[in-house]
Amino acid sequence: METRTRILAGAAISALIATITLTSVASHASTPSSPAERAATAELNRAVTLSNAAADEHSRVLEAQYQEQMRRYEAQQAQYRARLAELSRQP
């Protein structure tokens, strides 16, 4: 029983500490941002948006290149199969 009591007491203390910590963090989170913080956040968001747009465009270019390579490969394979079929028909 003593071990169970210690475990329950430890869990209760941990829960109390977590509650106090979360309450403290929550009270600080409701502090309004200053104009400088809002401007910095807006600038960061603009930079991330531009970076994402550039990454998206790069991804589209790579996808187009890949699709073109696949189109050429499939055309080459079709030519190869046609030539193979032609050769197999010859006596």
N, C-alpha and C. Protein backbone atom coordinates (compact mmCIF):
# COMPACT_ATOMS: atom_id res chain seq x y z
N MET A 1 0.81 -1.20 0.00
CA MET A 1 0.00 0.00 0.00
C MET A 1 0.86 1.26 0.00
N GLU A 2 2.01 1.22 0.65
CA GLU A 2 2.85 2.41 0.76
C GLU A 2 3.32 2.87 -0.62
N THR A 3 3.66 1.94 -1.52
CA THR A 3 4.11 2.29 -2.86
C THR A 3 2.98 2.95 -3.64
N ARG A 4 1.79 2.39 -3.49
CA ARG A 4 0.64 2.96 -4.20
C ARG A 4 0.36 4.38 -3.70
N THR A 5 0.46 4.61 -2.43
CA THR A 5 0.24 5.93 -1.85
C THR A 5 1.28 6.92 -2.38
N ARG A 6 2.54 6.50 -2.45
CA ARG A 6 3.59 7.37 -2.97
C ARG A 6 3.34 7.71 -4.44
N ILE A 7 2.92 6.72 -5.20
CA ILE A 7 2.65 6.97 -6.63
C ILE A 7 1.50 7.95 -6.78
N LEU A 8 0.43 7.75 -6.03
CA LEU A 8 -0.71 8.66 -6.11
C LEU A 8 -0.34 10.07 -5.63
N ALA A 9 0.46 10.16 -4.61
CA ALA A 9 0.89 11.47 -4.11
C ALA A 9 1.77 12.16 -5.16
N GLY A 10 2.66 11.41 -5.78
CA GLY A 10 3.52 11.97 -6.83
C GLY A 10 2.70 12.46 -8.01
N ALA A 11 1.69 11.68 -8.40
CA ALA A 11 0.82 12.08 -9.51
C ALA A 11 0.04 13.34 -9.15
N ALA A 12 -0.43 13.43 -7.93
CA ALA A 12 -1.18 14.61 -7.50
C ALA A 12 -0.30 15.85 -7.49
N ILE A 13 0.92 15.72 -7.03
CA ILE A 13 1.85 16.85 -7.02
C ILE A 13 2.18 17.26 -8.44
N SER A 14 2.42 16.28 -9.33
CA SER A 14 2.71 16.59 -10.73
C SER A 14 1.54 17.32 -11.38
N ALA A 15 0.33 16.87 -11.10
CA ALA A 15 -0.85 17.52 -11.66
C ALA A 15 -0.98 18.95 -11.15
N LEU A 16 -0.69 19.17 -9.87
CA LEU A 16 -0.75 20.51 -9.30
C LEU A 16 0.28 21.43 -9.95
N ILE A 17 1.50 20.94 -10.13
CA ILE A 17 2.57 21.74 -10.77
C ILE A 17 2.19 22.06 -12.21
N ALA A 18 1.65 21.07 -12.93
CA ALA A 18 1.24 21.30 -14.32
C ALA A 18 0.14 22.34 -14.40
N THR A 19 -0.81 22.28 -13.49
CA THR A 19 -1.91 23.25 -13.47
C THR A 19 -1.39 24.65 -13.21
N ILE A 20 -0.49 24.81 -12.26
CA ILE A 20 0.09 26.12 -11.95
C ILE A 20 0.88 26.65 -13.14
N THR A 21 1.67 25.78 -13.78
CA THR A 21 2.48 26.19 -14.93
C THR A 21 1.59 26.61 -16.09
N LEU A 22 0.57 25.83 -16.40
CA LEU A 22 -0.33 26.16 -17.51
C LEU A 22 -1.08 27.45 -17.25
N THR A 23 -1.49 27.67 -16.00
CA THR A 23 -2.18 28.90 -15.65
C THR A 23 -1.26 30.10 -15.83
N SER A 24 -0.02 29.94 -15.42
CA SER A 24 0.96 31.02 -15.56
C SER A 24 1.22 31.32 -17.03
N VAL A 25 1.39 30.30 -17.85
CA VAL A 25 1.64 30.48 -19.29
C VAL A 25 0.43 31.11 -19.95
N ALA A 26 -0.76 30.66 -19.60
CA ALA A 26 -1.98 31.20 -20.21
C ALA A 26 -2.15 32.67 -19.88
N SER A 27 -1.78 33.09 -18.69
CA SER A 27 -1.96 34.50 -18.33
C SER A 27 -0.99 35.38 -19.12
N HIS A 28 0.20 34.86 -19.45
CA HIS A 28 1.16 35.62 -20.25
C HIS A 28 0.77 35.64 -21.72
N ALA A 29 0.07 34.61 -22.18
CA ALA A 29 -0.29 34.52 -23.59
C ALA A 29 -1.34 35.54 -23.97
N SER A 30 -2.09 36.06 -23.01
CA SER A 30 -3.15 37.00 -23.33
C SER A 30 -2.66 38.44 -23.39
N THR A 31 -1.35 38.66 -23.22
CA THR A 31 -0.79 40.00 -23.30
C THR A 31 -0.84 40.47 -24.75
N PRO A 32 -1.42 41.63 -25.01
CA PRO A 32 -1.51 42.10 -26.40
C PRO A 32 -0.12 42.40 -26.97
N SER A 33 0.03 42.18 -28.26
CA SER A 33 1.29 42.45 -28.94
C SER A 33 1.48 43.94 -29.14
N SER A 34 2.72 44.35 -29.11
CA SER A 34 3.03 45.76 -29.37
C SER A 34 2.97 45.99 -30.89
N PRO A 35 2.88 47.25 -31.32
CA PRO A 35 2.90 47.53 -32.76
C PRO A 35 4.16 47.00 -33.43
N ALA A 36 5.30 47.07 -32.75
CA ALA A 36 6.54 46.56 -33.33
C ALA A 36 6.48 45.04 -33.50
N GLU A 37 5.91 44.35 -32.52
CA GLU A 37 5.77 42.90 -32.63
C GLU A 37 4.82 42.52 -33.76
N ARG A 38 3.72 43.28 -33.88
CA ARG A 38 2.77 43.01 -34.96
C ARG A 38 3.43 43.25 -36.32
N ALA A 39 4.23 44.31 -36.44
CA ALA A 39 4.92 44.60 -37.70
C ALA A 39 5.95 43.51 -38.01
N ALA A 40 6.67 43.07 -36.99
CA ALA A 40 7.66 42.00 -37.20
C ALA A 40 6.97 40.70 -37.61
N THR A 41 5.84 40.41 -37.00
CA THR A 41 5.08 39.21 -37.35
C THR A 41 4.57 39.30 -38.78
N ALA A 42 4.06 40.47 -39.15
CA ALA A 42 3.57 40.65 -40.52
C ALA A 42 4.71 40.49 -41.53
N GLU A 43 5.87 41.04 -41.22
CA GLU A 43 7.03 40.92 -42.13
C GLU A 43 7.46 39.45 -42.24
N LEU A 44 7.48 38.77 -41.13
CA LEU A 44 7.84 37.34 -41.14
C LEU A 44 6.84 36.55 -41.98
N ASN A 45 5.56 36.85 -41.80
CA ASN A 45 4.54 36.16 -42.58
C ASN A 45 4.70 36.45 -44.08
N ARG A 46 5.02 37.69 -44.44
CA ARG A 46 5.25 38.02 -45.86
C ARG A 46 6.44 37.24 -46.40
N ALA A 47 7.52 37.17 -45.62
CA ALA A 47 8.71 36.44 -46.07
C ALA A 47 8.41 34.96 -46.26
N VAL A 48 7.66 34.38 -45.35
CA VAL A 48 7.31 32.97 -45.46
C VAL A 48 6.40 32.75 -46.67
N THR A 49 5.46 33.65 -46.88
CA THR A 49 4.57 33.53 -48.03
C THR A 49 5.35 33.59 -49.34
N LEU A 50 6.30 34.52 -49.43
CA LEU A 50 7.12 34.62 -50.65
C LEU A 50 7.98 33.37 -50.83
N SER A 51 8.54 32.89 -49.75
CA SER A 51 9.36 31.68 -49.81
C SER A 51 8.53 30.48 -50.25
N ASN A 52 7.32 30.37 -49.72
CA ASN A 52 6.43 29.27 -50.11
C ASN A 52 6.05 29.37 -51.57
N ALA A 53 5.78 30.59 -52.05
CA ALA A 53 5.43 30.77 -53.45
C ALA A 53 6.59 30.36 -54.36
N ALA A 54 7.80 30.73 -53.97
CA ALA A 54 8.98 30.36 -54.76
C ALA A 54 9.16 28.84 -54.76
N ALA A 55 8.97 28.23 -53.61
CA ALA A 55 9.10 26.77 -53.52
C ALA A 55 8.02 26.08 -54.36
N ASP A 56 6.81 26.62 -54.33
CA ASP A 56 5.73 26.05 -55.14
C ASP A 56 6.05 26.15 -56.63
N GLU A 57 6.57 27.29 -57.05
CA GLU A 57 6.91 27.48 -58.46
C GLU A 57 8.03 26.52 -58.85
N HIS A 58 9.03 26.38 -58.01
CA HIS A 58 10.13 25.45 -58.28
C HIS A 58 9.59 24.02 -58.41
N SER A 59 8.68 23.67 -57.54
CA SER A 59 8.07 22.35 -57.58
C SER A 59 7.30 22.14 -58.89
N ARG A 60 6.58 23.17 -59.34
CA ARG A 60 5.84 23.07 -60.61
C ARG A 60 6.79 22.88 -61.79
N VAL A 61 7.93 23.61 -61.77
CA VAL A 61 8.92 23.48 -62.84
C VAL A 61 9.50 22.07 -62.85
N LEU A 62 9.85 21.56 -61.69
CA LEU A 62 10.39 20.20 -61.61
C LEU A 62 9.37 19.16 -62.07
N GLU A 63 8.12 19.36 -61.72
CA GLU A 63 7.06 18.44 -62.13
C GLU A 63 6.90 18.47 -63.65
N ALA A 64 6.95 19.67 -64.25
CA ALA A 64 6.83 19.78 -65.71
C ALA A 64 8.01 19.10 -66.40
N GLN A 65 9.21 19.28 -65.86
CA GLN A 65 10.39 18.61 -66.42
C GLN A 65 10.24 17.09 -66.33
N TYR A 66 9.78 16.63 -65.20
CA TYR A 66 9.59 15.19 -65.02
C TYR A 66 8.57 14.65 -66.02
N GLN A 67 7.45 15.36 -66.16
CA GLN A 67 6.42 14.91 -67.09
C GLN A 67 6.95 14.86 -68.52
N GLU A 68 7.76 15.85 -68.90
CA GLU A 68 8.34 15.87 -70.24
C GLU A 68 9.31 14.70 -70.42
N GLN A 69 10.11 14.42 -69.41
CA GLN A 69 11.01 13.27 -69.48
C GLN A 69 10.23 11.97 -69.63
N MET A 70 9.15 11.86 -68.89
CA MET A 70 8.33 10.64 -68.98
C MET A 70 7.69 10.53 -70.35
N ARG A 71 7.24 11.64 -70.92
CA ARG A 71 6.64 11.62 -72.25
C ARG A 71 7.68 11.14 -73.27
N ARG A 72 8.91 11.68 -73.19
CA ARG A 72 9.97 11.26 -74.11
C ARG A 72 10.33 9.79 -73.91
N TYR A 73 10.41 9.37 -72.68
CA TYR A 73 10.74 7.97 -72.38
C TYR A 73 9.68 7.04 -72.96
N GLU A 74 8.41 7.36 -72.74
CA GLU A 74 7.33 6.51 -73.26
C GLU A 74 7.33 6.49 -74.77
N ALA A 75 7.63 7.63 -75.42
CA ALA A 75 7.72 7.65 -76.88
C ALA A 75 8.88 6.78 -77.34
N GLN A 76 9.99 6.85 -76.66
CA GLN A 76 11.15 6.03 -77.00
C GLN A 76 10.82 4.55 -76.82
N GLN A 77 10.12 4.21 -75.76
CA GLN A 77 9.73 2.82 -75.53
C GLN A 77 8.78 2.33 -76.63
N ALA A 78 7.86 3.18 -77.05
CA ALA A 78 6.94 2.81 -78.12
C ALA A 78 7.71 2.55 -79.42
N GLN A 79 8.68 3.41 -79.73
CA GLN A 79 9.51 3.21 -80.93
C GLN A 79 10.29 1.90 -80.82
N TYR A 80 10.83 1.63 -79.67
CA TYR A 80 11.60 0.41 -79.45
C TYR A 80 10.70 -0.82 -79.66
N ARG A 81 9.51 -0.80 -79.06
CA ARG A 81 8.60 -1.94 -79.20
C ARG A 81 8.17 -2.12 -80.65
N ALA A 82 7.92 -1.01 -81.34
CA ALA A 82 7.53 -1.09 -82.75
C ALA A 82 8.67 -1.69 -83.58
N ARG A 83 9.88 -1.25 -83.33
CA ARG A 83 11.04 -1.79 -84.06
C ARG A 83 11.24 -3.27 -83.73
N LEU A 84 11.06 -3.65 -82.48
CA LEU A 84 11.17 -5.04 -82.07
C LEU A 84 10.13 -5.90 -82.79
N ALA A 85 8.89 -5.40 -82.84
CA ALA A 85 7.83 -6.13 -83.52
C ALA A 85 8.14 -6.26 -85.01
N GLU A 86 8.65 -5.18 -85.59
CA GLU A 86 9.01 -5.19 -87.02
C GLU A 86 10.10 -6.24 -87.28
N LEU A 87 11.10 -6.28 -86.42
CA LEU A 87 12.19 -7.25 -86.60
C LEU A 87 11.74 -8.67 -86.40
N SER A 88 10.79 -8.87 -85.50
CA SER A 88 10.32 -10.23 -85.25
C SER A 88 9.46 -10.76 -86.39
N ARG A 89 8.88 -9.89 -87.20
CA ARG A 89 8.07 -10.31 -88.35
C ARG A 89 8.95 -10.65 -89.56
N GLN A 90 10.16 -10.17 -89.59
CA GLN A 90 11.04 -10.44 -90.73
C GLN A 90 11.54 -11.89 -90.68
N PRO A 91 11.65 -12.51 -91.85
CA PRO A 91 12.11 -13.90 -91.89
C PRO A 91 13.57 -14.05 -91.60
